[in-house]
């Protein structure tokens, strides 16, 4: 029996089972938390708060909560689809998973660098997109769910979570991790006004830089892991 565990940085691991001729047990909660830790920094719901508050400033609290809920549901759908079908799309275009991880790592590193700069969390969406969204009644899908919450980096991580050796139970647990991430993101967006008031601009800036450092580390790990796997293959 042989298996390995694939890891990414974020004070934890992505634990993905890969076995030949047998199986091994990984605690369900471990897989769920590993999925959550891998995606949380890239999704970065804290970074979405300023744009969310700007675009919903004329909404009632009930309308704002509805926008947050719909955006998080869209996020679950987007990440789940790319997790389940992304590998087949790559195969169709002849792209290897290692190629995706290198490209995804570069995008994630760029996002990390942007978060390390002042106002970097707002760079996920262009000013034109924000201006257009201000005239929309429903901003839950664009720009909130995509690209703010489930942008290229989060999609790349979701695709990278899939391996052909995952059992149905493993995939279910990873999807549970994505749903848990959506629940946490909804809570953060729902209480974004209170969190912004409590943390202040200085606190949000410090948090953004911490998240940026973690995202940057994940991007570096994506690239290093992919290059190492290419040399072994």
Protein backbone atom coordinates (compact mmCIF):
# COMPACT_ATOMS: atom_id res chain seq x y z
CA UNK A 1 0.00 0.00 0.00
CA UNK A 2 1.34 3.39 -0.93
CA UNK A 3 -0.04 6.88 -0.48
CA UNK A 4 1.18 10.44 -0.27
CA UNK A 5 -0.24 13.64 1.12
CA UNK A 6 -0.10 16.85 -0.91
CA UNK A 7 0.38 19.98 1.22
CA UNK A 8 -0.02 23.69 0.81
CA UNK A 9 0.95 26.44 3.22
CA UNK A 10 -1.65 28.16 5.43
CA UNK A 11 -0.96 27.08 8.98
CA UNK A 12 -2.23 23.70 7.83
CA UNK A 13 -2.42 21.28 4.96
CA UNK A 14 -4.45 20.29 1.99
CA UNK A 15 -4.73 16.56 2.68
CA UNK A 16 -5.48 14.67 -0.50
CA UNK A 17 -5.34 10.93 -0.58
CA UNK A 18 -3.52 9.22 -3.43
CA UNK A 19 -3.16 5.45 -3.15
CA UNK A 20 -2.25 2.46 -5.30
CA UNK A 21 -3.81 -0.92 -4.66
CA UNK A 22 -5.44 0.01 -1.38
CA UNK A 23 -6.85 2.80 0.74
CA UNK A 24 -6.00 4.83 3.78
CA UNK A 25 -8.14 6.72 6.24
CA UNK A 26 -7.92 10.46 6.69
CA UNK A 27 -10.13 11.97 9.39
CA UNK A 28 -13.16 13.65 7.77
CA UNK A 29 -12.72 16.84 9.78
CA UNK A 30 -9.09 16.98 8.67
CA UNK A 31 -10.08 17.01 4.99
CA UNK A 32 -12.80 19.63 5.60
CA UNK A 33 -10.46 21.94 7.52
CA UNK A 34 -7.67 21.42 4.99
CA UNK A 35 -10.02 22.45 2.17
CA UNK A 36 -11.17 25.46 4.17
CA UNK A 37 -7.62 26.55 4.97
CA UNK A 38 -6.50 26.15 1.36
CA UNK A 39 -9.29 28.34 -0.02
CA UNK A 40 -9.98 30.89 2.72
CA UNK A 41 -7.00 33.18 2.11
CA UNK A 42 -7.51 33.11 -1.66
CA UNK A 43 -11.25 33.81 -1.41
CA UNK A 44 -10.51 36.44 1.28
CA UNK A 45 -14.03 37.56 2.27
CA UNK A 46 -12.49 40.31 4.41
CA UNK A 47 -11.06 41.85 1.26
CA UNK A 48 -14.52 41.83 -0.33
CA UNK A 49 -16.07 43.87 2.50
CA UNK A 50 -15.16 47.39 1.26
CA UNK A 51 -16.51 46.78 -2.25
CA UNK A 52 -19.58 45.02 -0.85
CA UNK A 53 -20.38 47.94 1.46
CA UNK A 54 -19.83 50.47 -1.33
CA UNK A 55 -22.13 48.68 -3.75
CA UNK A 56 -24.88 48.10 -1.16
CA UNK A 57 -24.72 51.46 0.63
CA UNK A 58 -28.24 52.38 -0.54
CA UNK A 59 -29.73 48.98 0.28
CA UNK A 60 -31.67 48.09 3.40
CA UNK A 61 -30.05 45.61 5.81
CA UNK A 62 -32.39 42.89 4.53
CA UNK A 63 -31.43 43.57 0.91
CA UNK A 64 -27.74 43.62 1.81
CA UNK A 65 -28.04 40.29 3.61
CA UNK A 66 -29.86 38.80 0.61
CA UNK A 67 -27.08 39.96 -1.74
CA UNK A 68 -24.47 38.38 0.55
CA UNK A 69 -26.39 35.10 0.74
CA UNK A 70 -26.87 34.85 -3.02
CA UNK A 71 -23.21 35.70 -3.66
CA UNK A 72 -22.04 32.94 -1.33
CA UNK A 73 -24.42 30.43 -2.95
CA UNK A 74 -23.04 31.40 -6.36
CA UNK A 75 -19.53 30.97 -4.98
CA UNK A 76 -20.32 27.42 -3.85
CA UNK A 77 -21.67 26.61 -7.31
CA UNK A 78 -18.66 28.08 -9.13
CA UNK A 79 -16.00 26.43 -6.96
CA UNK A 80 -17.86 23.10 -6.86
CA UNK A 81 -18.23 22.98 -10.65
CA UNK A 82 -14.55 23.73 -11.22
CA UNK A 83 -13.54 21.22 -8.55
CA UNK A 84 -15.62 18.44 -10.12
CA UNK A 85 -15.25 19.28 -13.81
CA UNK A 86 -12.06 21.33 -14.00
CA UNK A 87 -9.80 18.31 -14.50
CA UNK A 88 -11.84 17.18 -17.51
CA UNK A 89 -11.68 20.66 -19.03
CA UNK A 90 -7.90 20.59 -18.63
CA UNK A 91 -7.73 17.17 -20.28
CA UNK A 92 -9.84 18.43 -23.19
CA UNK A 93 -7.36 21.23 -23.86
CA UNK A 94 -4.35 19.02 -23.16
CA UNK A 95 -3.29 20.97 -20.08
CA UNK A 96 -1.58 19.01 -17.32
CA UNK A 97 -2.49 19.63 -13.68
CA UNK A 98 1.11 20.68 -12.99
CA UNK A 99 0.87 23.34 -15.71
CA UNK A 100 -2.30 24.66 -14.09
CA UNK A 101 -0.66 24.77 -10.66
CA UNK A 102 2.27 26.79 -12.01
CA UNK A 103 -0.07 29.22 -13.80
CA UNK A 104 -2.39 29.32 -10.81
CA UNK A 105 0.56 29.86 -8.49
CA UNK A 106 1.63 32.90 -10.50
CA UNK A 107 -1.90 34.36 -10.32
CA UNK A 108 -2.12 33.65 -6.60
CA UNK A 109 1.29 35.27 -6.03
CA UNK A 110 0.14 38.35 -7.92
CA UNK A 111 -2.99 38.52 -5.77
CA UNK A 112 -0.80 38.19 -2.68
CA UNK A 113 1.44 41.06 -3.79
CA UNK A 114 -1.63 43.22 -4.42
CA UNK A 115 -2.95 42.52 -0.92
CA UNK A 116 0.41 43.58 0.52
CA UNK A 117 0.00 47.02 -1.07
CA UNK A 118 -2.38 49.70 0.28
CA UNK A 119 -5.85 49.29 -1.19
CA UNK A 120 -4.81 46.05 -2.83
CA UNK A 121 -7.98 44.20 -1.87
CA UNK A 122 -9.94 46.49 -4.19
CA UNK A 123 -7.86 45.53 -7.23
CA UNK A 124 -9.82 42.33 -7.82
CA UNK A 125 -12.32 44.45 -9.68
CA UNK A 126 -11.60 47.39 -11.95
CA UNK A 127 -13.11 50.84 -11.31
CA UNK A 128 -15.23 50.41 -14.46
CA UNK A 129 -16.75 47.22 -13.08
CA UNK A 130 -17.49 48.89 -9.75
CA UNK A 131 -19.09 51.87 -11.50
CA UNK A 132 -21.23 49.57 -13.65
CA UNK A 133 -22.24 47.52 -10.61
CA UNK A 134 -23.47 50.65 -8.82
CA UNK A 135 -26.25 50.86 -11.41
CA UNK A 136 -27.25 47.20 -10.99
CA UNK A 137 -29.93 46.03 -8.62
CA UNK A 138 -28.32 42.61 -8.19
CA UNK A 139 -24.54 42.53 -7.67
CA UNK A 140 -24.49 39.07 -6.10
CA UNK A 141 -23.09 37.21 -9.14
CA UNK A 142 -20.91 39.93 -10.63
CA UNK A 143 -18.81 41.44 -9.26
CA UNK A 144 -19.34 39.96 -5.78
CA UNK A 145 -19.35 36.19 -6.38
CA UNK A 146 -17.11 36.51 -9.40
CA UNK A 147 -14.40 37.77 -9.37
CA UNK A 148 -14.36 39.05 -5.75
CA UNK A 149 -14.99 35.75 -3.93
CA UNK A 150 -14.36 33.10 -6.57
CA UNK A 151 -11.72 34.64 -8.79
CA UNK A 152 -9.01 32.93 -10.88
CA UNK A 153 -6.92 32.09 -7.82
CA UNK A 154 -9.77 30.37 -5.97
CA UNK A 155 -10.76 28.51 -9.14
CA UNK A 156 -7.17 27.33 -9.66
CA UNK A 157 -7.02 26.04 -6.08
CA UNK A 158 -10.39 24.27 -6.51
CA UNK A 159 -9.21 22.48 -9.65
CA UNK A 160 -5.94 21.60 -7.93
CA UNK A 161 -7.83 19.87 -5.11
CA UNK A 162 -9.07 17.18 -7.48
CA UNK A 163 -7.15 13.95 -8.08
CA UNK A 164 -8.41 10.80 -9.79
CA UNK A 165 -7.69 8.75 -6.66
CA UNK A 166 -10.22 10.63 -4.54
CA UNK A 167 -13.12 8.50 -3.40
CA UNK A 168 -16.73 9.68 -3.49
CA UNK A 169 -16.51 10.24 0.27
CA UNK A 170 -13.35 12.35 -0.10
CA UNK A 171 -14.99 14.53 -2.76
CA UNK A 172 -18.08 14.94 -0.57
CA UNK A 173 -15.92 16.14 2.32
CA UNK A 174 -14.11 18.63 0.10
CA UNK A 175 -17.48 19.97 -1.07
CA UNK A 176 -18.52 20.26 2.59
CA UNK A 177 -15.36 22.31 3.13
CA UNK A 178 -16.38 24.62 0.27
CA UNK A 179 -19.87 24.98 1.78
CA UNK A 180 -18.35 25.77 5.19
CA UNK A 181 -16.21 28.44 3.54
CA UNK A 182 -19.37 29.95 2.02
CA UNK A 183 -21.07 30.00 5.43
CA UNK A 184 -18.09 31.81 6.99
CA UNK A 185 -17.95 34.24 4.05
CA UNK A 186 -21.67 34.98 4.45
CA UNK A 187 -21.26 35.69 8.17
CA UNK A 188 -18.35 38.05 7.43
CA UNK A 189 -20.28 39.91 4.72
CA UNK A 190 -23.47 40.00 6.80
CA UNK A 191 -21.65 41.70 9.66
CA UNK A 192 -19.28 43.69 7.43
CA UNK A 193 -20.58 47.03 8.74
CA UNK A 194 -19.90 46.06 12.34
CA UNK A 195 -16.54 44.47 11.49
CA UNK A 196 -15.42 47.55 9.56
CA UNK A 197 -16.45 49.82 12.43
CA UNK A 198 -14.74 47.56 15.00
CA UNK A 199 -11.46 47.03 13.12
CA UNK A 200 -11.14 50.44 11.52
CA UNK A 201 -9.05 51.24 8.46
CA UNK A 202 -5.80 50.41 10.25
CA UNK A 203 -7.07 47.00 11.33
CA UNK A 204 -8.39 46.15 7.88
CA UNK A 205 -5.10 47.23 6.31
CA UNK A 206 -3.11 45.05 8.71
CA UNK A 207 -5.44 42.09 8.10
CA UNK A 208 -5.14 42.58 4.34
CA UNK A 209 -1.35 42.41 4.54
CA UNK A 210 -1.44 39.28 6.70
CA UNK A 211 -3.78 37.63 4.21
CA UNK A 212 -1.54 38.83 1.38
CA UNK A 213 1.49 37.16 2.93
CA UNK A 214 -0.41 33.90 3.34
CA UNK A 215 -1.76 34.06 -0.23
CA UNK A 216 1.75 34.75 -1.51
CA UNK A 217 3.04 31.71 0.39
CA UNK A 218 0.31 29.53 -1.12
CA UNK A 219 1.24 30.74 -4.61
CA UNK A 220 4.93 29.95 -4.05
CA UNK A 221 4.01 26.51 -2.73
CA UNK A 222 1.81 25.86 -5.77
CA UNK A 223 4.72 26.58 -8.11
CA UNK A 224 7.37 24.69 -6.11
CA UNK A 225 5.11 21.62 -5.71
CA UNK A 226 4.30 21.58 -9.43
CA UNK A 227 7.95 21.92 -10.49
CA UNK A 228 8.97 19.18 -8.05
CA UNK A 229 6.23 16.89 -9.41
CA UNK A 230 7.33 17.61 -13.00
CA UNK A 231 10.89 16.55 -12.20
CA UNK A 232 9.61 13.33 -10.59
CA UNK A 233 7.33 12.46 -13.52
